[in-house]
Each structure stands twice: as structure tokens, then as C-alpha cells.
Amino acid sequence: VDLTPIEMASAYGVFATNGFKSEPTFIARVTSNSGRVILDNNPDPQLV
């Protein structure tokens, strides 16, 4: 099967947490120029 390195790293990461999955992301937080929070990527791992 053909897979990407980030798919492999993310999948193995679920094993590392004993089954909790968090979607891979490059963004932790986004605010406007005035400081208003637009996105707060708080981790929400799910047991899968």
C-alpha cells in the first residue's frame, strides 16, 4: 500500500498513547491583529 510519512507517524502515535488519537496539525492558535482568538486548537484526544 502507498502511505505518506505523516500518516505513518500519526498512526504510530496512537500506539504511543495506548489508543488515544489526536489529528496531526501544524497550528496551535490563531488570533486577529487585535488579539481576538479565531482558533484555539486545544488537543482533544479520543480513545480509538
ModelCIF file with pLDDT and N, C-alpha, C, O atoms, coordinates in Angstrom:
data_MODEL
#
_entry.id   MODEL 
#
_entity.id                         1 
_entity.type                       polymer 
_entity.pdbx_number_of_molecules   1 
#
_entity_poly.entity_id                      1 
_entity_poly.type                           'polypeptide(L)' 
_entity_poly.nstd_linkage                   no 
_entity_poly.nstd_monomer                   no 
_entity_poly.pdbx_seq_one_letter_code       VDLTPIEMASAYGVFATNGFKSEPTFIARVTSNSGRVILDNNPDPQLV 
_entity_poly.pdbx_seq_one_letter_code_can   VDLTPIEMASAYGVFATNGFKSEPTFIARVTSNSGRVILDNNPDPQLV 
_entity_poly.pdbx_strand_id                 A 
#
loop_
_entity_poly_seq.entity_id 
_entity_poly_seq.num 
_entity_poly_seq.mon_id 
_entity_poly_seq.hetero 
1 1  VAL n 
1 2  ASP n 
1 3  LEU n 
1 4  THR n 
1 5  PRO n 
1 6  ILE n 
1 7  GLU n 
1 8  MET n 
1 9  ALA n 
1 10 SER n 
1 11 ALA n 
1 12 TYR n 
1 13 GLY n 
1 14 VAL n 
1 15 PHE n 
1 16 ALA n 
1 17 THR n 
1 18 ASN n 
1 19 GLY n 
1 20 PHE n 
1 21 LYS n 
1 22 SER n 
1 23 GLU n 
1 24 PRO n 
1 25 THR n 
1 26 PHE n 
1 27 ILE n 
1 28 ALA n 
1 29 ARG n 
1 30 VAL n 
1 31 THR n 
1 32 SER n 
1 33 ASN n 
1 34 SER n 
1 35 GLY n 
1 36 ARG n 
1 37 VAL n 
1 38 ILE n 
1 39 LEU n 
1 40 ASP n 
1 41 ASN n 
1 42 ASN n 
1 43 PRO n 
1 44 ASP n 
1 45 PRO n 
1 46 GLN n 
1 47 LEU n 
1 48 VAL n 
#
_struct_asym.id          A 
_struct_asym.entity_id   1 
#
loop_
_ma_qa_metric.id 
_ma_qa_metric.mode 
_ma_qa_metric.name 
_ma_qa_metric.software_group_id 
_ma_qa_metric.type 
1 global pLDDT . pLDDT 
2 local  pLDDT . pLDDT 
#
_ma_qa_metric_global.metric_id      1 
_ma_qa_metric_global.metric_value   96.00 
_ma_qa_metric_global.model_id       1 
_ma_qa_metric_global.ordinal_id     1 
#
loop_
_ma_qa_metric_local.label_asym_id 
_ma_qa_metric_local.label_comp_id 
_ma_qa_metric_local.label_seq_id 
_ma_qa_metric_local.metric_id 
_ma_qa_metric_local.metric_value 
_ma_qa_metric_local.model_id 
_ma_qa_metric_local.ordinal_id 
A VAL 1  2 97.00 1 1  
A ASP 2  2 97.00 1 2  
A LEU 3  2 98.00 1 3  
A THR 4  2 98.00 1 4  
A PRO 5  2 98.00 1 5  
A ILE 6  2 98.00 1 6  
A GLU 7  2 98.00 1 7  
A MET 8  2 98.00 1 8  
A ALA 9  2 98.00 1 9  
A SER 10 2 98.00 1 10 
A ALA 11 2 98.00 1 11 
A TYR 12 2 98.00 1 12 
A GLY 13 2 98.00 1 13 
A VAL 14 2 98.00 1 14 
A PHE 15 2 98.00 1 15 
A ALA 16 2 98.00 1 16 
A THR 17 2 98.00 1 17 
A ASN 18 2 97.00 1 18 
A GLY 19 2 98.00 1 19 
A PHE 20 2 98.00 1 20 
A LYS 21 2 98.00 1 21 
A SER 22 2 97.00 1 22 
A GLU 23 2 96.00 1 23 
A PRO 24 2 97.00 1 24 
A THR 25 2 98.00 1 25 
A PHE 26 2 98.00 1 26 
A ILE 27 2 98.00 1 27 
A ALA 28 2 98.00 1 28 
A ARG 29 2 97.00 1 29 
A VAL 30 2 97.00 1 30 
A THR 31 2 96.00 1 31 
A SER 32 2 91.00 1 32 
A ASN 33 2 82.00 1 33 
A SER 34 2 83.00 1 34 
A GLY 35 2 89.00 1 35 
A ARG 36 2 93.00 1 36 
A VAL 37 2 96.00 1 37 
A ILE 38 2 95.00 1 38 
A LEU 39 2 95.00 1 39 
A ASP 40 2 95.00 1 40 
A ASN 41 2 93.00 1 41 
A ASN 42 2 92.00 1 42 
A PRO 43 2 93.00 1 43 
A ASP 44 2 94.00 1 44 
A PRO 45 2 97.00 1 45 
A GLN 46 2 97.00 1 46 
A LEU 47 2 98.00 1 47 
A VAL 48 2 98.00 1 48 
#
loop_
_atom_site.group_PDB 
_atom_site.id 
_atom_site.type_symbol 
_atom_site.label_atom_id 
_atom_site.label_alt_id 
_atom_site.label_comp_id 
_atom_site.label_asym_id 
_atom_site.label_entity_id 
_atom_site.label_seq_id 
_atom_site.pdbx_PDB_ins_code 
_atom_site.Cartn_x 
_atom_site.Cartn_y 
_atom_site.Cartn_z 
_atom_site.occupancy 
_atom_site.B_iso_or_equiv 
_atom_site.pdbx_formal_charge 
_atom_site.auth_seq_id 
_atom_site.auth_comp_id 
_atom_site.auth_asym_id 
_atom_site.auth_atom_id 
_atom_site.pdbx_PDB_model_num 
ATOM 1   N N  . VAL A 1 1  ? 0.865   -1.171 0.000  1.00 97.00 ? 1  VAL A N  1 
ATOM 2   C CA . VAL A 1 1  ? 0.000   0.000  0.000  1.00 97.00 ? 1  VAL A CA 1 
ATOM 3   C C  . VAL A 1 1  ? 0.907   1.229  0.000  1.00 97.00 ? 1  VAL A C  1 
ATOM 4   O O  . VAL A 1 1  ? 2.031   1.167  0.498  1.00 97.00 ? 1  VAL A O  1 
ATOM 5   N N  . ASP A 1 2  ? 0.440   2.323  -0.542 1.00 97.00 ? 2  ASP A N  1 
ATOM 6   C CA . ASP A 1 2  ? 1.240   3.542  -0.592 1.00 97.00 ? 2  ASP A CA 1 
ATOM 7   C C  . ASP A 1 2  ? 0.757   4.515  0.483  1.00 97.00 ? 2  ASP A C  1 
ATOM 8   O O  . ASP A 1 2  ? -0.407  4.915  0.492  1.00 97.00 ? 2  ASP A O  1 
ATOM 9   N N  . LEU A 1 3  ? 1.673   4.896  1.398  1.00 98.00 ? 3  LEU A N  1 
ATOM 10  C CA . LEU A 1 3  ? 1.333   5.784  2.510  1.00 98.00 ? 3  LEU A CA 1 
ATOM 11  C C  . LEU A 1 3  ? 2.344   6.925  2.607  1.00 98.00 ? 3  LEU A C  1 
ATOM 12  O O  . LEU A 1 3  ? 3.461   6.812  2.104  1.00 98.00 ? 3  LEU A O  1 
ATOM 13  N N  . THR A 1 4  ? 1.953   8.015  3.248  1.00 98.00 ? 4  THR A N  1 
ATOM 14  C CA . THR A 1 4  ? 2.859   9.150  3.443  1.00 98.00 ? 4  THR A CA 1 
ATOM 15  C C  . THR A 1 4  ? 3.548   9.045  4.802  1.00 98.00 ? 4  THR A C  1 
ATOM 16  O O  . THR A 1 4  ? 3.013   8.418  5.717  1.00 98.00 ? 4  THR A O  1 
ATOM 17  N N  . PRO A 1 5  ? 4.715   9.641  4.943  1.00 98.00 ? 5  PRO A N  1 
ATOM 18  C CA . PRO A 1 5  ? 5.399   9.626  6.243  1.00 98.00 ? 5  PRO A CA 1 
ATOM 19  C C  . PRO A 1 5  ? 4.557   10.209 7.382  1.00 98.00 ? 5  PRO A C  1 
ATOM 20  O O  . PRO A 1 5  ? 4.614   9.703  8.502  1.00 98.00 ? 5  PRO A O  1 
ATOM 21  N N  . ILE A 1 6  ? 3.773   11.272 7.116  1.00 98.00 ? 6  ILE A N  1 
ATOM 22  C CA . ILE A 1 6  ? 2.983   11.839 8.208  1.00 98.00 ? 6  ILE A CA 1 
ATOM 23  C C  . ILE A 1 6  ? 1.853   10.891 8.608  1.00 98.00 ? 6  ILE A C  1 
ATOM 24  O O  . ILE A 1 6  ? 1.462   10.859 9.774  1.00 98.00 ? 6  ILE A O  1 
ATOM 25  N N  . GLU A 1 7  ? 1.325   10.118 7.656  1.00 98.00 ? 7  GLU A N  1 
ATOM 26  C CA . GLU A 1 7  ? 0.325   9.110  8.010  1.00 98.00 ? 7  GLU A CA 1 
ATOM 27  C C  . GLU A 1 7  ? 0.934   8.054  8.923  1.00 98.00 ? 7  GLU A C  1 
ATOM 28  O O  . GLU A 1 7  ? 0.307   7.624  9.892  1.00 98.00 ? 7  GLU A O  1 
ATOM 29  N N  . MET A 1 8  ? 2.149   7.640  8.613  1.00 98.00 ? 8  MET A N  1 
ATOM 30  C CA . MET A 1 8  ? 2.815   6.620  9.425  1.00 98.00 ? 8  MET A CA 1 
ATOM 31  C C  . MET A 1 8  ? 3.119   7.147  10.819 1.00 98.00 ? 8  MET A C  1 
ATOM 32  O O  . MET A 1 8  ? 2.884   6.455  11.810 1.00 98.00 ? 8  MET A O  1 
ATOM 33  N N  . ALA A 1 9  ? 3.640   8.364  10.901 1.00 98.00 ? 9  ALA A N  1 
ATOM 34  C CA . ALA A 1 9  ? 3.978   8.936  12.204 1.00 98.00 ? 9  ALA A CA 1 
ATOM 35  C C  . ALA A 1 9  ? 2.730   9.104  13.061 1.00 98.00 ? 9  ALA A C  1 
ATOM 36  O O  . ALA A 1 9  ? 2.743   8.774  14.247 1.00 98.00 ? 9  ALA A O  1 
ATOM 37  N N  . SER A 1 10 ? 1.659   9.612  12.474 1.00 98.00 ? 10 SER A N  1 
ATOM 38  C CA . SER A 1 10 ? 0.429   9.834  13.227 1.00 98.00 ? 10 SER A CA 1 
ATOM 39  C C  . SER A 1 10 ? -0.186  8.518  13.707 1.00 98.00 ? 10 SER A C  1 
ATOM 40  O O  . SER A 1 10 ? -0.668  8.427  14.835 1.00 98.00 ? 10 SER A O  1 
ATOM 41  N N  . ALA A 1 11 ? -0.166  7.496  12.841 1.00 98.00 ? 11 ALA A N  1 
ATOM 42  C CA . ALA A 1 11 ? -0.725  6.193  13.214 1.00 98.00 ? 11 ALA A CA 1 
ATOM 43  C C  . ALA A 1 11 ? 0.068   5.561  14.354 1.00 98.00 ? 11 ALA A C  1 
ATOM 44  O O  . ALA A 1 11 ? -0.523  5.039  15.300 1.00 98.00 ? 11 ALA A O  1 
ATOM 45  N N  . TYR A 1 12 ? 1.375   5.600  14.279 1.00 98.00 ? 12 TYR A N  1 
ATOM 46  C CA . TYR A 1 12 ? 2.204   5.053  15.363 1.00 98.00 ? 12 TYR A CA 1 
ATOM 47  C C  . TYR A 1 12 ? 1.991   5.845  16.655 1.00 98.00 ? 12 TYR A C  1 
ATOM 48  O O  . TYR A 1 12 ? 2.105   5.296  17.751 1.00 98.00 ? 12 TYR A O  1 
ATOM 49  N N  . GLY A 1 13 ? 1.679   7.144  16.520 1.00 98.00 ? 13 GLY A N  1 
ATOM 50  C CA . GLY A 1 13 ? 1.432   7.963  17.695 1.00 98.00 ? 13 GLY A CA 1 
ATOM 51  C C  . GLY A 1 13 ? 0.250   7.482  18.509 1.00 98.00 ? 13 GLY A C  1 
ATOM 52  O O  . GLY A 1 13 ? 0.218   7.671  19.725 1.00 98.00 ? 13 GLY A O  1 
ATOM 53  N N  . VAL A 1 14 ? -0.729  6.859  17.854 1.00 98.00 ? 14 VAL A N  1 
ATOM 54  C CA . VAL A 1 14 ? -1.886  6.319  18.584 1.00 98.00 ? 14 VAL A CA 1 
ATOM 55  C C  . VAL A 1 14 ? -1.451  5.132  19.449 1.00 98.00 ? 14 VAL A C  1 
ATOM 56  O O  . VAL A 1 14 ? -1.981  4.935  20.542 1.00 98.00 ? 14 VAL A O  1 
ATOM 57  N N  . PHE A 1 15 ? -0.506  4.357  18.971 1.00 98.00 ? 15 PHE A N  1 
ATOM 58  C CA . PHE A 1 15 ? 0.041   3.271  19.801 1.00 98.00 ? 15 PHE A CA 1 
ATOM 59  C C  . PHE A 1 15 ? 0.771   3.851  21.016 1.00 98.00 ? 15 PHE A C  1 
ATOM 60  O O  . PHE A 1 15 ? 0.657   3.327  22.124 1.00 98.00 ? 15 PHE A O  1 
ATOM 61  N N  . ALA A 1 16 ? 1.524   4.939  20.800 1.00 98.00 ? 16 ALA A N  1 
ATOM 62  C CA . ALA A 1 16 ? 2.331   5.524  21.876 1.00 98.00 ? 16 ALA A CA 1 
ATOM 63  C C  . ALA A 1 16 ? 1.475   5.997  23.048 1.00 98.00 ? 16 ALA A C  1 
ATOM 64  O O  . ALA A 1 16 ? 1.953   6.044  24.182 1.00 98.00 ? 16 ALA A O  1 
ATOM 65  N N  . THR A 1 17 ? 0.221   6.346  22.787 1.00 98.00 ? 17 THR A N  1 
ATOM 66  C CA . THR A 1 17 ? -0.668  6.859  23.839 1.00 98.00 ? 17 THR A CA 1 
ATOM 67  C C  . THR A 1 17 ? -1.643  5.786  24.326 1.00 98.00 ? 17 THR A C  1 
ATOM 68  O O  . THR A 1 17 ? -2.638  6.093  24.982 1.00 98.00 ? 17 THR A O  1 
ATOM 69  N N  . ASN A 1 18 ? -1.349  4.537  24.002 1.00 97.00 ? 18 ASN A N  1 
ATOM 70  C CA . ASN A 1 18 ? -2.230  3.424  24.390 1.00 97.00 ? 18 ASN A CA 1 
ATOM 71  C C  . ASN A 1 18 ? -3.635  3.582  23.831 1.00 97.00 ? 18 ASN A C  1 
ATOM 72  O O  . ASN A 1 18 ? -4.616  3.225  24.483 1.00 97.00 ? 18 ASN A O  1 
ATOM 73  N N  . GLY A 1 19 ? -3.723  4.117  22.624 1.00 98.00 ? 19 GLY A N  1 
ATOM 74  C CA . GLY A 1 19 ? -5.004  4.112  21.934 1.00 98.00 ? 19 GLY A CA 1 
ATOM 75  C C  . GLY A 1 19 ? -5.683  5.451  21.771 1.00 98.00 ? 19 GLY A C  1 
ATOM 76  O O  . GLY A 1 19 ? -6.754  5.520  21.169 1.00 98.00 ? 19 GLY A O  1 
ATOM 77  N N  . PHE A 1 20 ? -5.084  6.538  22.295 1.00 98.00 ? 20 PHE A N  1 
ATOM 78  C CA . PHE A 1 20 ? -5.703  7.862  22.145 1.00 98.00 ? 20 PHE A CA 1 
ATOM 79  C C  . PHE A 1 20 ? -5.196  8.527  20.862 1.00 98.00 ? 20 PHE A C  1 
ATOM 80  O O  . PHE A 1 20 ? -3.993  8.604  20.611 1.00 98.00 ? 20 PHE A O  1 
ATOM 81  N N  . LYS A 1 21 ? -6.148  9.002  20.062 1.00 98.00 ? 21 LYS A N  1 
ATOM 82  C CA . LYS A 1 21 ? -5.815  9.575  18.760 1.00 98.00 ? 21 LYS A CA 1 
ATOM 83  C C  . LYS A 1 21 ? -6.044  11.080 18.764 1.00 98.00 ? 21 LYS A C  1 
ATOM 84  O O  . LYS A 1 21 ? -7.088  11.555 19.212 1.00 98.00 ? 21 LYS A O  1 
ATOM 85  N N  . SER A 1 22 ? -5.059  11.831 18.260 1.00 97.00 ? 22 SER A N  1 
ATOM 86  C CA . SER A 1 22 ? -5.181  13.267 18.031 1.00 97.00 ? 22 SER A CA 1 
ATOM 87  C C  . SER A 1 22 ? -4.812  13.532 16.579 1.00 97.00 ? 22 SER A C  1 
ATOM 88  O O  . SER A 1 22 ? -3.791  13.042 16.095 1.00 97.00 ? 22 SER A O  1 
ATOM 89  N N  . GLU A 1 23 ? -5.638  14.303 15.885 1.00 96.00 ? 23 GLU A N  1 
ATOM 90  C CA . GLU A 1 23 ? -5.358  14.598 14.478 1.00 96.00 ? 23 GLU A CA 1 
ATOM 91  C C  . GLU A 1 23 ? -4.082  15.416 14.361 1.00 96.00 ? 23 GLU A C  1 
ATOM 92  O O  . GLU A 1 23 ? -3.887  16.362 15.123 1.00 96.00 ? 23 GLU A O  1 
ATOM 93  N N  . PRO A 1 24 ? -3.215  15.071 13.425 1.00 97.00 ? 24 PRO A N  1 
ATOM 94  C CA . PRO A 1 24 ? -1.977  15.858 13.261 1.00 97.00 ? 24 PRO A CA 1 
ATOM 95  C C  . PRO A 1 24 ? -2.294  17.263 12.762 1.00 97.00 ? 24 PRO A C  1 
ATOM 96  O O  . PRO A 1 24 ? -3.166  17.445 11.913 1.00 97.00 ? 24 PRO A O  1 
ATOM 97  N N  . THR A 1 25 ? -1.594  18.239 13.286 1.00 98.00 ? 25 THR A N  1 
ATOM 98  C CA . THR A 1 25 ? -1.818  19.635 12.895 1.00 98.00 ? 25 THR A CA 1 
ATOM 99  C C  . THR A 1 25 ? -0.538  20.435 13.056 1.00 98.00 ? 25 THR A C  1 
ATOM 100 O O  . THR A 1 25 ? 0.326   20.097 13.865 1.00 98.00 ? 25 THR A O  1 
ATOM 101 N N  . PHE A 1 26 ? -0.428  21.508 12.268 1.00 98.00 ? 26 PHE A N  1 
ATOM 102 C CA . PHE A 1 26 ? 0.694   22.437 12.377 1.00 98.00 ? 26 PHE A CA 1 
ATOM 103 C C  . PHE A 1 26 ? 0.301   23.706 13.109 1.00 98.00 ? 26 PHE A C  1 
ATOM 104 O O  . PHE A 1 26 ? 1.152   24.564 13.343 1.00 98.00 ? 26 PHE A O  1 
ATOM 105 N N  . ILE A 1 27 ? -0.963  23.849 13.477 1.00 98.00 ? 27 ILE A N  1 
ATOM 106 C CA . ILE A 1 27 ? -1.461  25.111 14.033 1.00 98.00 ? 27 ILE A CA 1 
ATOM 107 C C  . ILE A 1 27 ? -1.972  24.910 15.450 1.00 98.00 ? 27 ILE A C  1 
ATOM 108 O O  . ILE A 1 27 ? -2.830  24.064 15.703 1.00 98.00 ? 27 ILE A O  1 
ATOM 109 N N  . ALA A 1 28 ? -1.426  25.708 16.377 1.00 98.00 ? 28 ALA A N  1 
ATOM 110 C CA . ALA A 1 28 ? -1.873  25.649 17.766 1.00 98.00 ? 28 ALA A CA 1 
ATOM 111 C C  . ALA A 1 28 ? -2.926  26.711 18.063 1.00 98.00 ? 28 ALA A C  1 
ATOM 112 O O  . ALA A 1 28 ? -3.887  26.452 18.787 1.00 98.00 ? 28 ALA A O  1 
ATOM 113 N N  . ARG A 1 29 ? -2.744  27.912 17.501 1.00 97.00 ? 29 ARG A N  1 
ATOM 114 C CA . ARG A 1 29 ? -3.640  29.014 17.858 1.00 97.00 ? 29 ARG A CA 1 
ATOM 115 C C  . ARG A 1 29 ? -3.577  30.092 16.782 1.00 97.00 ? 29 ARG A C  1 
ATOM 116 O O  . ARG A 1 29 ? -2.511  30.360 16.228 1.00 97.00 ? 29 ARG A O  1 
ATOM 117 N N  . VAL A 1 30 ? -4.710  30.704 16.488 1.00 97.00 ? 30 VAL A N  1 
ATOM 118 C CA . VAL A 1 30 ? -4.784  31.799 15.526 1.00 97.00 ? 30 VAL A CA 1 
ATOM 119 C C  . VAL A 1 30 ? -5.572  32.940 16.161 1.00 97.00 ? 30 VAL A C  1 
ATOM 120 O O  . VAL A 1 30 ? -6.666  32.735 16.687 1.00 97.00 ? 30 VAL A O  1 
ATOM 121 N N  . THR A 1 31 ? -5.003  34.149 16.107 1.00 96.00 ? 31 THR A N  1 
ATOM 122 C CA . THR A 1 31 ? -5.701  35.328 16.603 1.00 96.00 ? 31 THR A CA 1 
ATOM 123 C C  . THR A 1 31 ? -5.709  36.394 15.525 1.00 96.00 ? 31 THR A C  1 
ATOM 124 O O  . THR A 1 31 ? -4.927  36.339 14.576 1.00 96.00 ? 31 THR A O  1 
ATOM 125 N N  . SER A 1 32 ? -6.601  37.365 15.679 1.00 91.00 ? 32 SER A N  1 
ATOM 126 C CA . SER A 1 32 ? -6.622  38.509 14.781 1.00 91.00 ? 32 SER A CA 1 
ATOM 127 C C  . SER A 1 32 ? -5.532  39.487 15.197 1.00 91.00 ? 32 SER A C  1 
ATOM 128 O O  . SER A 1 32 ? -4.863  39.281 16.210 1.00 91.00 ? 32 SER A O  1 
ATOM 129 N N  . ASN A 1 33 ? -5.352  40.549 14.421 1.00 82.00 ? 33 ASN A N  1 
ATOM 130 C CA . ASN A 1 33 ? -4.327  41.536 14.771 1.00 82.00 ? 33 ASN A CA 1 
ATOM 131 C C  . ASN A 1 33 ? -4.662  42.283 16.056 1.00 82.00 ? 33 ASN A C  1 
ATOM 132 O O  . ASN A 1 33 ? -3.788  42.900 16.664 1.00 82.00 ? 33 ASN A O  1 
ATOM 133 N N  . SER A 1 34 ? -5.926  42.229 16.471 1.00 83.00 ? 34 SER A N  1 
ATOM 134 C CA . SER A 1 34 ? -6.330  42.890 17.720 1.00 83.00 ? 34 SER A CA 1 
ATOM 135 C C  . SER A 1 34 ? -6.311  41.940 18.909 1.00 83.00 ? 34 SER A C  1 
ATOM 136 O O  . SER A 1 34 ? -6.637  42.335 20.028 1.00 83.00 ? 34 SER A O  1 
ATOM 137 N N  . GLY A 1 35 ? -5.927  40.676 18.667 1.00 89.00 ? 35 GLY A N  1 
ATOM 138 C CA . GLY A 1 35 ? -5.841  39.715 19.764 1.00 89.00 ? 35 GLY A CA 1 
ATOM 139 C C  . GLY A 1 35 ? -7.056  38.832 19.930 1.00 89.00 ? 35 GLY A C  1 
ATOM 140 O O  . GLY A 1 35 ? -7.079  37.993 20.830 1.00 89.00 ? 35 GLY A O  1 
ATOM 141 N N  . ARG A 1 36 ? -8.078  38.991 19.086 1.00 93.00 ? 36 ARG A N  1 
ATOM 142 C CA . ARG A 1 36 ? -9.271  38.149 19.193 1.00 93.00 ? 36 ARG A CA 1 
ATOM 143 C C  . ARG A 1 36 ? -8.928  36.724 18.755 1.00 93.00 ? 36 ARG A C  1 
ATOM 144 O O  . ARG A 1 36 ? -8.346  36.519 17.690 1.00 93.00 ? 36 ARG A O  1 
ATOM 145 N N  . VAL A 1 37 ? -9.293  35.747 19.580 1.00 96.00 ? 37 VAL A N  1 
ATOM 146 C CA . VAL A 1 37 ? -8.981  34.351 19.275 1.00 96.00 ? 37 VAL A CA 1 
ATOM 147 C C  . VAL A 1 37 ? -9.905  33.844 18.174 1.00 96.00 ? 37 VAL A C  1 
ATOM 148 O O  . VAL A 1 37 ? -11.127 33.857 18.321 1.00 96.00 ? 37 VAL A O  1 
ATOM 149 N N  . ILE A 1 38 ? -9.314  33.399 17.078 1.00 95.00 ? 38 ILE A N  1 
ATOM 150 C CA . ILE A 1 38 ? -10.068 32.861 15.952 1.00 95.00 ? 38 ILE A CA 1 
ATOM 151 C C  . ILE A 1 38 ? -10.080 31.334 15.999 1.00 95.00 ? 38 ILE A C  1 
ATOM 152 O O  . ILE A 1 38 ? -11.086 30.704 15.672 1.00 95.00 ? 38 ILE A O  1 
ATOM 153 N N  . LEU A 1 39 ? -8.975  30.754 16.401 1.00 95.00 ? 39 LEU A N  1 
ATOM 154 C CA . LEU A 1 39 ? -8.870  29.293 16.501 1.00 95.00 ? 39 LEU A CA 1 
ATOM 155 C C  . LEU A 1 39 ? -7.972  28.948 17.679 1.00 95.00 ? 39 LEU A C  1 
ATOM 156 O O  . LEU A 1 39 ? -6.848  29.439 17.784 1.00 95.00 ? 39 LEU A O  1 
ATOM 157 N N  . ASP A 1 40 ? -8.477  28.109 18.552 1.00 95.00 ? 40 ASP A N  1 
ATOM 158 C CA . ASP A 1 40 ? -7.675  27.598 19.661 1.00 95.00 ? 40 ASP A CA 1 
ATOM 159 C C  . ASP A 1 40 ? -7.683  26.085 19.556 1.00 95.00 ? 40 ASP A C  1 
ATOM 160 O O  . ASP A 1 40 ? -8.651  25.425 19.933 1.00 95.00 ? 40 ASP A O  1 
ATOM 161 N N  . ASN A 1 41 ? -6.591  25.549 19.037 1.00 93.00 ? 41 ASN A N  1 
ATOM 162 C CA . ASN A 1 41 ? -6.518  24.124 18.720 1.00 93.00 ? 41 ASN A CA 1 
ATOM 163 C C  . ASN A 1 41 ? -6.170  23.302 19.956 1.00 93.00 ? 41 ASN A C  1 
ATOM 164 O O  . ASN A 1 41 ? -5.167  22.589 19.975 1.00 93.00 ? 41 ASN A O  1 
ATOM 165 N N  . ASN A 1 42 ? -6.994  23.404 20.973 1.00 92.00 ? 42 ASN A N  1 
ATOM 166 C CA . ASN A 1 42 ? -6.731  22.621 22.173 1.00 92.00 ? 42 ASN A CA 1 
ATOM 167 C C  . ASN A 1 42 ? -6.830  21.140 21.850 1.00 92.00 ? 42 ASN A C  1 
ATOM 168 O O  . ASN A 1 42 ? -7.797  20.720 21.216 1.00 92.00 ? 42 ASN A O  1 
ATOM 169 N N  . PRO A 1 43 ? -5.862  20.337 22.267 1.00 93.00 ? 43 PRO A N  1 
ATOM 170 C CA . PRO A 1 43 ? -5.907  18.899 21.980 1.00 93.00 ? 43 PRO A CA 1 
ATOM 171 C C  . PRO A 1 43 ? -7.162  18.254 22.566 1.00 93.00 ? 43 PRO A C  1 
ATOM 172 O O  . PRO A 1 43 ? -7.570  18.553 23.688 1.00 93.00 ? 43 PRO A O  1 
ATOM 173 N N  . ASP A 1 44 ? -7.754  17.376 21.788 1.00 94.00 ? 44 ASP A N  1 
ATOM 174 C CA . ASP A 1 44 ? -8.944  16.649 22.232 1.00 94.00 ? 44 ASP A CA 1 
ATOM 175 C C  . ASP A 1 44 ? -8.799  15.185 21.838 1.00 94.00 ? 44 ASP A C  1 
ATOM 176 O O  . ASP A 1 44 ? -9.541  14.694 20.988 1.00 94.00 ? 44 ASP A O  1 
ATOM 177 N N  . PRO A 1 45 ? -7.841  14.482 22.454 1.00 97.00 ? 45 PRO A N  1 
ATOM 178 C CA . PRO A 1 45 ? -7.593  13.086 22.063 1.00 97.00 ? 45 PRO A CA 1 
ATOM 179 C C  . PRO A 1 45 ? -8.800  12.195 22.344 1.00 97.00 ? 45 PRO A C  1 
ATOM 180 O O  . PRO A 1 45 ? -9.476  12.337 23.363 1.00 97.00 ? 45 PRO A O  1 
ATOM 181 N N  . GLN A 1 46 ? -9.052  11.275 21.414 1.00 97.00 ? 46 GLN A N  1 
ATOM 182 C CA . GLN A 1 46 ? -10.170 10.340 21.524 1.00 97.00 ? 46 GLN A CA 1 
ATOM 183 C C  . GLN A 1 46 ? -9.625  8.917  21.612 1.00 97.00 ? 46 GLN A C  1 
ATOM 184 O O  . GLN A 1 46 ? -8.726  8.540  20.860 1.00 97.00 ? 46 GLN A O  1 
ATOM 185 N N  . LEU A 1 47 ? -10.170 8.140  22.527 1.00 98.00 ? 47 LEU A N  1 
ATOM 186 C CA . LEU A 1 47 ? -9.749  6.748  22.654 1.00 98.00 ? 47 LEU A CA 1 
ATOM 187 C C  . LEU A 1 47 ? -10.349 5.941  21.511 1.00 98.00 ? 47 LEU A C  1 
ATOM 188 O O  . LEU A 1 47 ? -11.569 5.799  21.428 1.00 98.00 ? 47 LEU A O  1 
ATOM 189 N N  . VAL A 1 48 ? -9.507  5.413  20.632 1.00 98.00 ? 48 VAL A N  1 
ATOM 190 C CA . VAL A 1 48 ? -9.991  4.693  19.452 1.00 98.00 ? 48 VAL A CA 1 
ATOM 191 C C  . VAL A 1 48 ? -9.491  3.250  19.405 1.00 98.00 ? 48 VAL A C  1 
ATOM 192 O O  . VAL A 1 48 ? -9.813  2.516  18.471 1.00 98.00 ? 48 VAL A O  1 
#
